């Protein structure tokens, strides 16, 4: 049985623990939906000051809601629209300190004030994004970006995603 360990200690220790938990959680399970669901639940439980954690998956020219934790969310996001669509279209991490200052922000949860989105890339194709929101302005740091990129890397390495 998997037991979540609380994030304590210095930043480096917390990051290693989180990545280790992701790897342990998905070990032996290659199904994308199962792994996305468990990783979103793990992040939801481990991270402080977040109000939404989840995934959007690519379906043609849009992102469609996948496994998540938090309030009900936008189901479809156009490619290049909002923070998630921008991360997908540019294949780059988007960290927004204050979502009210992001032109075209899509407010799925009115309580969200900052956001970080990490694209899921298989080969040279973006297949989805990890989206994490906070009710606090400036919640996410450059270090958080690196941590969430490492989470995505571990998830992609341990899961059978189809890039078609």
C-alpha atoms as a PDB file:
ATOM      1  CA  UNK A   1       0.000   0.000   0.000  1.00  0.00           C
ATOM      2  CA  UNK A   2       1.294   3.436  -0.957  1.00  0.00           C
ATOM      3  CA  UNK A   3       1.451   6.035   1.803  1.00  0.00           C
ATOM      4  CA  UNK A   4       1.967   9.713   1.012  1.00  0.00           C
ATOM      5  CA  UNK A   5       4.812  11.339   2.902  1.00  0.00           C
ATOM      6  CA  UNK A   6       4.392  14.992   3.807  1.00  0.00           C
ATOM      7  CA  UNK A   7       6.768  17.474   2.198  1.00  0.00           C
ATOM      8  CA  UNK A   8       9.166  18.592   4.920  1.00  0.00           C
ATOM      9  CA  UNK A   9      12.792  19.666   5.036  1.00  0.00           C
ATOM     10  CA  UNK A  10      14.757  21.884   2.678  1.00  0.00           C
ATOM     11  CA  UNK A  11      13.740  22.425  -0.937  1.00  0.00           C
ATOM     12  CA  UNK A  12      16.138  19.840  -2.353  1.00  0.00           C
ATOM     13  CA  UNK A  13      14.978  17.166   0.097  1.00  0.00           C
ATOM     14  CA  UNK A  14      11.303  17.932  -0.614  1.00  0.00           C
ATOM     15  CA  UNK A  15      11.871  17.722  -4.357  1.00  0.00           C
ATOM     16  CA  UNK A  16      13.675  14.385  -4.134  1.00  0.00           C
ATOM     17  CA  UNK A  17      10.922  13.011  -1.908  1.00  0.00           C
ATOM     18  CA  UNK A  18       8.180  14.151  -4.279  1.00  0.00           C
ATOM     19  CA  UNK A  19       9.888  12.667  -7.347  1.00  0.00           C
ATOM     20  CA  UNK A  20      10.541   9.448  -5.450  1.00  0.00           C
ATOM     21  CA  UNK A  21       6.869   9.241  -4.485  1.00  0.00           C
ATOM     22  CA  UNK A  22       5.782   9.799  -8.088  1.00  0.00           C
ATOM     23  CA  UNK A  23       8.111   7.046  -9.285  1.00  0.00           C
ATOM     24  CA  UNK A  24       6.939   4.685  -6.559  1.00  0.00           C
ATOM     25  CA  UNK A  25       3.280   5.460  -7.194  1.00  0.00           C
ATOM     26  CA  UNK A  26       3.428   4.702 -10.920  1.00  0.00           C
ATOM     27  CA  UNK A  27       5.928   1.827 -10.686  1.00  0.00           C
ATOM     28  CA  UNK A  28       4.555  -1.160 -12.570  1.00  0.00           C
ATOM     29  CA  UNK A  29       1.524   0.701 -13.934  1.00  0.00           C
ATOM     30  CA  UNK A  30       1.826   1.935 -17.515  1.00  0.00           C
ATOM     31  CA  UNK A  31      -1.781   3.100 -18.085  1.00  0.00           C
ATOM     32  CA  UNK A  32      -1.899   6.871 -18.715  1.00  0.00           C
ATOM     33  CA  UNK A  33      -5.259   7.604 -17.082  1.00  0.00           C
ATOM     34  CA  UNK A  34      -4.412   5.642 -13.946  1.00  0.00           C
ATOM     35  CA  UNK A  35      -1.046   7.364 -13.609  1.00  0.00           C
ATOM     36  CA  UNK A  36      -2.407  10.850 -14.352  1.00  0.00           C
ATOM     37  CA  UNK A  37      -5.130  10.337 -11.747  1.00  0.00           C
ATOM     38  CA  UNK A  38      -2.720   9.166  -9.072  1.00  0.00           C
ATOM     39  CA  UNK A  39      -0.134  11.862  -9.781  1.00  0.00           C
ATOM     40  CA  UNK A  40      -2.770  14.605  -9.617  1.00  0.00           C
ATOM     41  CA  UNK A  41      -3.981  13.192  -6.286  1.00  0.00           C
ATOM     42  CA  UNK A  42      -0.417  12.969  -4.960  1.00  0.00           C
ATOM     43  CA  UNK A  43       0.377  16.567  -5.898  1.00  0.00           C
ATOM     44  CA  UNK A  44      -2.937  17.726  -4.420  1.00  0.00           C
ATOM     45  CA  UNK A  45      -2.079  16.048  -1.125  1.00  0.00           C
ATOM     46  CA  UNK A  46       1.580  17.111  -0.987  1.00  0.00           C
ATOM     47  CA  UNK A  47       1.525  20.707  -2.186  1.00  0.00           C
ATOM     48  CA  UNK A  48       0.561  23.602   0.041  1.00  0.00           C
ATOM     49  CA  UNK A  49      -1.510  26.588  -1.026  1.00  0.00           C
ATOM     50  CA  UNK A  50      -2.966  25.083  -4.210  1.00  0.00           C
ATOM     51  CA  UNK A  51      -6.619  24.954  -5.223  1.00  0.00           C
ATOM     52  CA  UNK A  52      -6.447  22.905  -8.437  1.00  0.00           C
ATOM     53  CA  UNK A  53      -4.068  20.248  -9.774  1.00  0.00           C
ATOM     54  CA  UNK A  54      -4.664  18.263 -12.906  1.00  0.00           C
ATOM     55  CA  UNK A  55      -4.099  17.425 -16.510  1.00  0.00           C
ATOM     56  CA  UNK A  56      -5.471  18.466 -19.854  1.00  0.00           C
ATOM     57  CA  UNK A  57      -4.909  16.086 -22.770  1.00  0.00           C
ATOM     58  CA  UNK A  58      -4.578  16.945 -26.438  1.00  0.00           C
ATOM     59  CA  UNK A  59      -7.461  16.036 -28.693  1.00  0.00           C
ATOM     60  CA  UNK A  60      -6.825  17.529 -32.122  1.00  0.00           C
ATOM     61  CA  UNK A  61      -6.481  21.291 -31.834  1.00  0.00           C
ATOM     62  CA  UNK A  62      -7.692  21.572 -28.269  1.00  0.00           C
ATOM     63  CA  UNK A  63      -6.962  20.407 -24.732  1.00  0.00           C
ATOM     64  CA  UNK A  64      -9.615  18.314 -22.994  1.00  0.00           C
ATOM     65  CA  UNK A  65      -9.940  17.949 -19.239  1.00  0.00           C
ATOM     66  CA  UNK A  66      -8.249  14.877 -17.809  1.00  0.00           C
ATOM     67  CA  UNK A  67      -7.759  13.575 -14.268  1.00  0.00           C
ATOM     68  CA  UNK A  68      -7.666  16.340 -11.658  1.00  0.00           C
ATOM     69  CA  UNK A  69      -8.248  17.389  -8.057  1.00  0.00           C
ATOM     70  CA  UNK A  70     -10.210  20.527  -7.197  1.00  0.00           C
ATOM     71  CA  UNK A  71     -13.388  22.289  -8.264  1.00  0.00           C
ATOM     72  CA  UNK A  72     -15.058  21.349 -11.546  1.00  0.00           C
ATOM     73  CA  UNK A  73     -13.071  22.926 -14.379  1.00  0.00           C
ATOM     74  CA  UNK A  74     -13.219  24.074 -17.984  1.00  0.00           C
ATOM     75  CA  UNK A  75     -13.656  20.995 -20.146  1.00  0.00           C
ATOM     76  CA  UNK A  76     -12.098  22.245 -23.393  1.00  0.00           C
ATOM     77  CA  UNK A  77      -9.356  24.794 -23.977  1.00  0.00           C
ATOM     78  CA  UNK A  78      -8.386  25.931 -27.450  1.00  0.00           C
ATOM     79  CA  UNK A  79      -4.807  25.487 -28.623  1.00  0.00           C
ATOM     80  CA  UNK A  80      -2.935  28.674 -27.764  1.00  0.00           C
ATOM     81  CA  UNK A  81      -5.748  29.960 -25.502  1.00  0.00           C
ATOM     82  CA  UNK A  82      -5.245  30.784 -21.830  1.00  0.00           C
ATOM     83  CA  UNK A  83      -2.244  29.643 -19.825  1.00  0.00           C
ATOM     84  CA  UNK A  84      -2.745  25.945 -20.607  1.00  0.00           C
ATOM     85  CA  UNK A  85      -3.230  26.476 -24.334  1.00  0.00           C
ATOM     86  CA  UNK A  86      -0.207  28.780 -24.446  1.00  0.00           C
ATOM     87  CA  UNK A  87       1.986  26.176 -22.705  1.00  0.00           C
ATOM     88  CA  UNK A  88       0.793  23.560 -25.195  1.00  0.00           C
ATOM     89  CA  UNK A  89       1.231  25.753 -28.281  1.00  0.00           C
ATOM     90  CA  UNK A  90       4.708  26.931 -27.269  1.00  0.00           C
ATOM     91  CA  UNK A  91       5.818  23.599 -25.748  1.00  0.00           C
ATOM     92  CA  UNK A  92       7.170  25.586 -22.811  1.00  0.00           C
ATOM     93  CA  UNK A  93       6.439  25.978 -19.123  1.00  0.00           C
ATOM     94  CA  UNK A  94       4.183  28.909 -18.296  1.00  0.00           C
ATOM     95  CA  UNK A  95       4.475  30.381 -14.808  1.00  0.00           C
ATOM     96  CA  UNK A  96       2.040  33.205 -14.162  1.00  0.00           C
ATOM     97  CA  UNK A  97       2.569  35.221 -10.995  1.00  0.00           C
ATOM     98  CA  UNK A  98      -0.804  36.994 -11.227  1.00  0.00           C
ATOM     99  CA  UNK A  99      -3.400  35.511 -13.580  1.00  0.00           C
ATOM    100  CA  UNK A 100      -5.297  38.824 -13.718  1.00  0.00           C
ATOM    101  CA  UNK A 101      -2.280  40.187 -15.620  1.00  0.00           C
ATOM    102  CA  UNK A 102      -2.242  37.359 -18.190  1.00  0.00           C
ATOM    103  CA  UNK A 103      -3.985  38.493 -21.358  1.00  0.00           C
ATOM    104  CA  UNK A 104      -6.579  35.890 -22.320  1.00  0.00           C
ATOM    105  CA  UNK A 105      -6.532  34.038 -18.992  1.00  0.00           C
ATOM    106  CA  UNK A 106      -9.335  31.501 -18.755  1.00  0.00           C
ATOM    107  CA  UNK A 107     -10.818  31.612 -15.258  1.00  0.00           C
ATOM    108  CA  UNK A 108     -11.933  28.047 -14.583  1.00  0.00           C
ATOM    109  CA  UNK A 109     -11.759  28.659 -10.827  1.00  0.00           C
ATOM    110  CA  UNK A 110     -12.440  32.245  -9.790  1.00  0.00           C
ATOM    111  CA  UNK A 111     -10.292  31.694  -6.682  1.00  0.00           C
ATOM    112  CA  UNK A 112      -7.094  31.082  -8.694  1.00  0.00           C
ATOM    113  CA  UNK A 113      -4.549  33.905  -8.519  1.00  0.00           C
ATOM    114  CA  UNK A 114      -1.386  32.243  -9.851  1.00  0.00           C
ATOM    115  CA  UNK A 115      -0.706  29.277 -12.087  1.00  0.00           C
ATOM    116  CA  UNK A 116       2.039  27.079 -13.471  1.00  0.00           C
ATOM    117  CA  UNK A 117       1.572  24.821 -16.499  1.00  0.00           C
ATOM    118  CA  UNK A 118       4.068  22.215 -17.720  1.00  0.00           C
ATOM    119  CA  UNK A 119       3.629  20.632 -21.164  1.00  0.00           C
ATOM    120  CA  UNK A 120       3.740  16.843 -21.557  1.00  0.00           C
ATOM    121  CA  UNK A 121       5.905  16.162 -24.586  1.00  0.00           C
ATOM    122  CA  UNK A 122       6.360  12.747 -26.229  1.00  0.00           C
ATOM    123  CA  UNK A 123       8.889  12.806 -29.034  1.00  0.00           C
ATOM    124  CA  UNK A 124       8.358  16.233 -30.519  1.00  0.00           C
ATOM    125  CA  UNK A 125       4.598  16.370 -29.863  1.00  0.00           C
ATOM    126  CA  UNK A 126       2.778  18.029 -26.967  1.00  0.00           C
ATOM    127  CA  UNK A 127       0.210  15.482 -25.752  1.00  0.00           C
ATOM    128  CA  UNK A 128      -1.124  17.467 -22.807  1.00  0.00           C
ATOM    129  CA  UNK A 129      -0.276  19.675 -19.858  1.00  0.00           C
ATOM    130  CA  UNK A 130       0.019  19.550 -16.091  1.00  0.00           C
ATOM    131  CA  UNK A 131      -1.820  22.545 -14.620  1.00  0.00           C
ATOM    132  CA  UNK A 132      -1.418  23.710 -11.013  1.00  0.00           C
ATOM    133  CA  UNK A 133      -3.318  26.715  -9.613  1.00  0.00           C
ATOM    134  CA  UNK A 134      -3.052  28.625  -6.350  1.00  0.00           C
ATOM    135  CA  UNK A 135      -5.347  31.108  -4.620  1.00  0.00           C
ATOM    136  CA  UNK A 136      -2.242  33.198  -3.788  1.00  0.00           C
ATOM    137  CA  UNK A 137      -0.528  35.678  -6.098  1.00  0.00           C
ATOM    138  CA  UNK A 138       3.123  34.711  -6.644  1.00  0.00           C
ATOM    139  CA  UNK A 139       2.774  31.204  -5.189  1.00  0.00           C
ATOM    140  CA  UNK A 140       5.051  29.492  -7.721  1.00  0.00           C
ATOM    141  CA  UNK A 141       8.807  29.955  -8.082  1.00  0.00           C
ATOM    142  CA  UNK A 142      11.389  29.006 -10.672  1.00  0.00           C
ATOM    143  CA  UNK A 143      12.312  26.131  -8.340  1.00  0.00           C
ATOM    144  CA  UNK A 144       8.684  24.942  -8.474  1.00  0.00           C
ATOM    145  CA  UNK A 145       8.921  24.944 -12.281  1.00  0.00           C
ATOM    146  CA  UNK A 146      11.952  22.644 -12.105  1.00  0.00           C
ATOM    147  CA  UNK A 147      10.212  20.365  -9.615  1.00  0.00           C
ATOM    148  CA  UNK A 148       7.037  20.092 -11.687  1.00  0.00           C
ATOM    149  CA  UNK A 149       9.105  19.471 -14.825  1.00  0.00           C
ATOM    150  CA  UNK A 150      10.829  16.603 -12.980  1.00  0.00           C
ATOM    151  CA  UNK A 151       7.403  15.228 -11.974  1.00  0.00           C
ATOM    152  CA  UNK A 152       6.298  15.329 -15.620  1.00  0.00           C
ATOM    153  CA  UNK A 153       9.559  13.705 -16.748  1.00  0.00           C
ATOM    154  CA  UNK A 154       9.093  10.850 -14.246  1.00  0.00           C
ATOM    155  CA  UNK A 155       5.466  10.433 -15.306  1.00  0.00           C
ATOM    156  CA  UNK A 156       6.354  10.320 -19.001  1.00  0.00           C
ATOM    157  CA  UNK A 157       9.190   7.845 -18.396  1.00  0.00           C
ATOM    158  CA  UNK A 158       6.912   5.451 -16.511  1.00  0.00           C
ATOM    159  CA  UNK A 159       3.777   5.624 -18.646  1.00  0.00           C
ATOM    160  CA  UNK A 160       2.764   4.363 -22.103  1.00  0.00           C
ATOM    161  CA  UNK A 161       1.534   7.535 -23.792  1.00  0.00           C
ATOM    162  CA  UNK A 162       0.682   7.325 -27.470  1.00  0.00           C
ATOM    163  CA  UNK A 163       1.858  10.372 -29.405  1.00  0.00           C
ATOM    164  CA  UNK A 164      -0.500   9.910 -32.358  1.00  0.00           C
END
